[in-house]
C-alpha atoms as a PDB file:
ATOM      1  CA  MET A   1     -44.955  -7.332  70.040  1.00  0.00           C
ATOM      2  CA  SER A   2     -44.956  -7.719  73.924  1.00  0.00           C
ATOM      3  CA  LYS A   3     -46.915 -10.215  75.923  1.00  0.00           C
ATOM      4  CA  HIS A   4     -48.113  -6.556  77.982  1.00  0.00           C
ATOM      5  CA  GLU A   5     -48.806  -4.670  75.211  1.00  0.00           C
ATOM      6  CA  GLY A   6     -51.948  -3.746  74.909  1.00  0.00           C
ATOM      7  CA  ILE A   7     -52.649  -4.289  79.099  1.00  0.00           C
ATOM      8  CA  PRO A   8     -52.139  -0.673  80.718  1.00  0.00           C
ATOM      9  CA  VAL A   9     -50.270  -2.206  83.338  1.00  0.00           C
ATOM     10  CA  PRO A  10     -49.480   0.776  85.767  1.00  0.00           C
ATOM     11  CA  PRO A  11     -53.330   1.567  86.210  1.00  0.00           C
ATOM     12  CA  VAL A  12     -54.296  -1.864  86.683  1.00  0.00           C
ATOM     13  CA  ALA A  13     -51.693  -2.639  89.122  1.00  0.00           C
ATOM     14  CA  MET A  14     -52.844   0.694  90.891  1.00  0.00           C
ATOM     15  CA  VAL A  15     -56.342   0.395  91.251  1.00  0.00           C
ATOM     16  CA  ALA A  16     -55.597  -3.637  91.964  1.00  0.00           C
ATOM     17  CA  ALA A  17     -53.243  -1.697  95.026  1.00  0.00           C
ATOM     18  CA  GLY A  18     -55.228   0.741  96.583  1.00  0.00           C
ATOM     19  CA  VAL A  19     -57.709  -2.410  96.310  1.00  0.00           C
ATOM     20  CA  VAL A  20     -55.932  -4.407  98.433  1.00  0.00           C
ATOM     21  CA  GLN A  21     -55.127  -1.218 100.593  1.00  0.00           C
ATOM     22  CA  ARG A  22     -59.260  -1.149 101.778  1.00  0.00           C
ATOM     23  CA  PHE A  23     -59.103  -4.589 103.264  1.00  0.00           C
ATOM     24  CA  THR A  24     -55.947  -3.966 105.245  1.00  0.00           C
ATOM     25  CA  PRO A  25     -56.621  -2.967 108.887  1.00  0.00           C
ATOM     26  CA  LYS A  26     -57.123   0.523 109.634  1.00  0.00           C
ATOM     27  CA  GLY A  27     -54.804   2.254 112.394  1.00  0.00           C
ATOM     28  CA  LYS A  28     -56.928   3.924 115.541  1.00  0.00           C
ATOM     29  CA  LYS A  29     -54.389   6.988 116.032  1.00  0.00           C
ATOM     30  CA  CYS A  30     -53.279   9.719 115.377  1.00  0.00           C
ATOM     31  CA  ARG A  31     -55.978   9.960 112.755  1.00  0.00           C
ATOM     32  CA  ARG A  32     -55.311  14.304 112.408  1.00  0.00           C
ATOM     33  CA  LEU A  33     -51.809  14.046 111.775  1.00  0.00           C
ATOM     34  CA  ARG A  34     -52.427  11.248 109.568  1.00  0.00           C
ATOM     35  CA  ARG A  35     -55.589  12.530 107.271  1.00  0.00           C
ATOM     36  CA  ALA A  36     -53.345  15.879 107.150  1.00  0.00           C
ATOM     37  CA  ALA A  37     -50.329  13.841 105.577  1.00  0.00           C
ATOM     38  CA  SER A  38     -52.759  12.134 103.237  1.00  0.00           C
ATOM     39  CA  VAL A  39     -53.978  15.097 102.117  1.00  0.00           C
ATOM     40  CA  ILE A  40     -50.139  16.481 101.072  1.00  0.00           C
ATOM     41  CA  LEU A  41     -48.872  13.842  99.493  1.00  0.00           C
ATOM     42  CA  MET A  42     -52.039  12.757  97.690  1.00  0.00           C
ATOM     43  CA  ALA A  43     -52.015  17.003  96.369  1.00  0.00           C
ATOM     44  CA  ALA A  44     -48.390  16.396  95.797  1.00  0.00           C
ATOM     45  CA  SER A  45     -49.058  13.032  93.738  1.00  0.00           C
ATOM     46  CA  GLY A  46     -52.105  14.388  92.261  1.00  0.00           C
ATOM     47  CA  THR A  47     -49.876  17.761  91.346  1.00  0.00           C
ATOM     48  CA  LEU A  48     -46.926  15.018  90.001  1.00  0.00           C
ATOM     49  CA  LEU A  49     -48.711  13.531  87.330  1.00  0.00           C
ATOM     50  CA  PHE A  50     -51.363  16.162  85.810  1.00  0.00           C
ATOM     51  CA  SER A  51     -48.135  18.362  85.202  1.00  0.00           C
ATOM     52  CA  THR A  52     -46.385  15.492  83.811  1.00  0.00           C
ATOM     53  CA  PHE A  53     -49.493  14.814  81.753  1.00  0.00           C
ATOM     54  CA  ALA A  54     -49.592  18.035  80.780  1.00  0.00           C
ATOM     55  CA  SER A  55     -45.658  18.335  79.621  1.00  0.00           C
ATOM     56  CA  PHE A  56     -46.123  15.268  77.154  1.00  0.00           C
ATOM     57  CA  THR A  57     -49.492  16.796  75.451  1.00  0.00           C
ATOM     58  CA  ARG A  58     -47.729  19.915  75.297  1.00  0.00           C
ATOM     59  CA  HIS A  59     -44.783  18.468  73.247  1.00  0.00           C
ATOM     60  CA  GLY A  60     -46.808  15.977  71.587  1.00  0.00           C
ATOM     61  CA  THR A  61     -46.228  13.405  72.713  1.00  0.00           C
ATOM     62  CA  THR A  62     -48.904   9.781  73.999  1.00  0.00           C
ATOM     63  CA  VAL A  63     -49.044   9.426  77.544  1.00  0.00           C
ATOM     64  CA  ASP A  64     -50.038   5.853  76.723  1.00  0.00           C
ATOM     65  CA  PRO A  65     -48.252   3.169  78.775  1.00  0.00           C
ATOM     66  CA  THR A  66     -49.318  -0.139  76.692  1.00  0.00           C
ATOM     67  CA  VAL A  67     -47.659   1.680  73.260  1.00  0.00           C
ATOM     68  CA  PRO A  68     -44.090   3.377  74.366  1.00  0.00           C
ATOM     69  CA  ALA A  69     -42.674   2.903  70.763  1.00  0.00           C
ATOM     70  CA  SER A  70     -45.252   5.630  70.087  1.00  0.00           C
ATOM     71  CA  ALA A  71     -43.272   8.070  71.657  1.00  0.00           C
ATOM     72  CA  SER A  72     -42.880  11.333  69.362  1.00  0.00           C
ATOM     73  CA  THR A  73     -40.497  13.464  71.694  1.00  0.00           C
ATOM     74  CA  LEU A  74     -38.356  12.209  74.848  1.00  0.00           C
ATOM     75  CA  VAL A  75     -39.451  14.784  77.189  1.00  0.00           C
ATOM     76  CA  THR A  76     -36.367  15.656  79.566  1.00  0.00           C
ATOM     77  CA  GLY A  77     -37.635  18.754  80.970  1.00  0.00           C
ATOM     78  CA  GLY A  78     -39.986  19.545  83.819  1.00  0.00           C
ATOM     79  CA  THR A  79     -40.660  16.770  86.372  1.00  0.00           C
ATOM     80  CA  ASN A  80     -39.369  14.665  83.539  1.00  0.00           C
ATOM     81  CA  ALA A  81     -35.749  16.244  84.911  1.00  0.00           C
ATOM     82  CA  ILE A  82     -36.634  15.192  88.467  1.00  0.00           C
ATOM     83  CA  THR A  83     -37.694  11.211  87.763  1.00  0.00           C
ATOM     84  CA  ARG A  84     -37.649   9.411  84.321  1.00  0.00           C
ATOM     85  CA  ASN A  85     -40.642   7.507  85.458  1.00  0.00           C
ATOM     86  CA  PRO A  86     -42.849  10.869  87.497  1.00  0.00           C
ATOM     87  CA  MET A  87     -46.336   9.447  86.625  1.00  0.00           C
ATOM     88  CA  TYR A  88     -45.025   6.076  88.375  1.00  0.00           C
ATOM     89  CA  ALA A  89     -44.048   8.416  91.173  1.00  0.00           C
ATOM     90  CA  ALA A  90     -46.792  10.231  91.165  1.00  0.00           C
ATOM     91  CA  MET A  91     -49.262   6.782  91.164  1.00  0.00           C
ATOM     92  CA  ALA A  92     -47.154   5.294  94.188  1.00  0.00           C
ATOM     93  CA  GLY A  93     -47.623   8.571  96.097  1.00  0.00           C
ATOM     94  CA  MET A  94     -51.238   8.029  95.678  1.00  0.00           C
ATOM     95  CA  LEU A  95     -50.753   4.425  97.556  1.00  0.00           C
ATOM     96  CA  LEU A  96     -48.286   6.043  99.957  1.00  0.00           C
ATOM     97  CA  ALA A  97     -51.184   9.061 100.280  1.00  0.00           C
ATOM     98  CA  HIS A  98     -53.661   5.981 101.134  1.00  0.00           C
ATOM     99  CA  ALA A  99     -51.955   4.301 103.002  1.00  0.00           C
ATOM    100  CA  VAL A 100     -50.948   7.219 105.272  1.00  0.00           C
ATOM    101  CA  SER A 101     -54.322   7.535 105.963  1.00  0.00           C
ATOM    102  CA  ARG A 102     -54.978   3.531 106.886  1.00  0.00           C
ATOM    103  CA  GLY A 103     -52.892   4.069 109.795  1.00  0.00           C
ATOM    104  CA  SER A 104     -51.282   0.687 109.405  1.00  0.00           C
ATOM    105  CA  TRP A 105     -48.430  -1.068 107.979  1.00  0.00           C
ATOM    106  CA  GLN A 106     -50.227  -3.972 106.024  1.00  0.00           C
ATOM    107  CA  ALA A 107     -51.334  -0.867 103.547  1.00  0.00           C
ATOM    108  CA  LEU A 108     -47.812   0.120 102.768  1.00  0.00           C
ATOM    109  CA  LEU A 109     -47.102  -4.025 101.135  1.00  0.00           C
ATOM    110  CA  PRO A 110     -49.378  -3.535  97.789  1.00  0.00           C
ATOM    111  CA  VAL A 111     -47.488   0.366  97.590  1.00  0.00           C
ATOM    112  CA  ALA A 112     -44.292  -2.338  97.442  1.00  0.00           C
ATOM    113  CA  GLY A 113     -46.282  -4.371  94.596  1.00  0.00           C
ATOM    114  CA  PHE A 114     -47.076  -1.587  92.928  1.00  0.00           C
ATOM    115  CA  VAL A 115     -43.942  -0.336  92.425  1.00  0.00           C
ATOM    116  CA  VAL A 116     -42.209  -3.552  91.566  1.00  0.00           C
ATOM    117  CA  VAL A 117     -44.903  -4.054  89.104  1.00  0.00           C
ATOM    118  CA  ALA A 118     -43.928  -0.841  87.429  1.00  0.00           C
ATOM    119  CA  ASP A 119     -40.508  -1.372  87.898  1.00  0.00           C
ATOM    120  CA  ARG A 120     -39.935  -5.058  86.265  1.00  0.00           C
ATOM    121  CA  LEU A 121     -42.309  -5.317  83.802  1.00  0.00           C
ATOM    122  CA  GLN A 122     -43.315  -1.424  83.308  1.00  0.00           C
ATOM    123  CA  ILE A 123     -40.452   0.230  82.998  1.00  0.00           C
ATOM    124  CA  VAL A 124     -38.132  -1.891  81.558  1.00  0.00           C
ATOM    125  CA  ARG A 125     -40.296  -2.062  78.627  1.00  0.00           C
ATOM    126  CA  GLU A 126     -40.561   1.436  77.991  1.00  0.00           C
ATOM    127  CA  GLU A 127     -36.846   2.090  78.491  1.00  0.00           C
ATOM    128  CA  HIS A 128     -36.256  -0.510  75.342  1.00  0.00           C
ATOM    129  CA  ALA A 129     -38.837   1.233  73.877  1.00  0.00           C
ATOM    130  CA  LEU A 130     -36.889   4.773  74.028  1.00  0.00           C
ATOM    131  CA  ARG A 131     -33.103   3.225  73.771  1.00  0.00           C
ATOM    132  CA  SER A 132     -34.317   2.061  70.448  1.00  0.00           C
ATOM    133  CA  LEU A 133     -35.928   5.219  69.252  1.00  0.00           C
ATOM    134  CA  PHE A 134     -33.741   7.811  70.614  1.00  0.00           C
ATOM    135  CA  GLY A 135     -30.048   6.365  71.134  1.00  0.00           C
ATOM    136  CA  GLU A 136     -27.438   7.978  72.742  1.00  0.00           C
ATOM    137  CA  ALA A 137     -30.692  11.196  73.499  1.00  0.00           C
ATOM    138  CA  TYR A 138     -31.779   8.630  76.021  1.00  0.00           C
ATOM    139  CA  LEU A 139     -28.728   6.704  76.552  1.00  0.00           C
ATOM    140  CA  GLN A 140     -28.003  10.559  78.211  1.00  0.00           C
ATOM    141  CA  TYR A 141     -31.134  11.403  79.042  1.00  0.00           C
ATOM    142  CA  CYS A 142     -30.255   8.094  81.788  1.00  0.00           C
ATOM    143  CA  ALA A 143     -26.814   8.868  82.618  1.00  0.00           C
ATOM    144  CA  ARG A 144     -28.271  12.593  84.487  1.00  0.00           C
ATOM    145  CA  THR A 145     -31.548  11.331  85.320  1.00  0.00           C
ATOM    146  CA  PRO A 146     -32.687   8.643  88.552  1.00  0.00           C
ATOM    147  CA  ARG A 147     -35.581   6.442  87.699  1.00  0.00           C
ATOM    148  CA  TRP A 148     -36.992   6.021  90.480  1.00  0.00           C
ATOM    149  CA  ILE A 149     -36.650  10.248  92.242  1.00  0.00           C
ATOM    150  CA  GLY A 150     -33.701  10.129  94.145  1.00  0.00           C
ATOM    151  CA  ARG A 151     -31.960   6.748  93.130  1.00  0.00           C
ATOM    152  CA  ARG A 152     -30.237   6.679  89.866  1.00  0.00           C
ATOM    153  CA  THR A 153     -29.817   3.391  87.977  1.00  0.00           C
ATOM    154  CA  LEU A 154     -27.905   2.293  84.745  1.00  0.00           C
ATOM    155  CA  ASP A 155     -30.390  -0.075  83.448  1.00  0.00           C
ATOM    156  CA  CYS A 156     -31.467   1.815  80.705  1.00  0.00           C
ATOM    157  CA  PHE A 157     -27.703   0.742  79.223  1.00  0.00           C
ATOM    158  CA  LYS A 158     -28.414  -2.832  79.677  1.00  0.00           C
ATOM    159  CA  GLY A 159     -28.608  -4.577  76.118  1.00  0.00           C
ATOM    160  CA  ARG A 160     -26.460  -1.517  74.929  1.00  0.00           C
END
């Protein structure tokens, strides 16, 4: 059992990052522009999150980050063809939308913290579990689909 099993690391990290953002200073300039950009980012991120959740549900596999080994299907289409982690990209996007609405560079720091926590604590565990469950099919998926949007990584090949 992993030391993080049972702890929903990404949702907890997202909430913690959002709380930290609330304590960052608010910018005073371009409030309307910031608000519009924030709404667009939030809508896009929410759409990404919920469409991925719906896709996992349609495929009959888990969305529970605490038990990645319980995945029953390797979902590679739809939003998962853009990134191997669309739900975490969406969560980062929601935090980015909040940072934009606050209008301060300090509000970006918790976004970066969330990405690092998700990348190093959760995604690594999920990749190991999916590699064990789906073998070569997962490795092929990793070869053609980036871990994050636009960033190709070979992390899922480690320990092969």
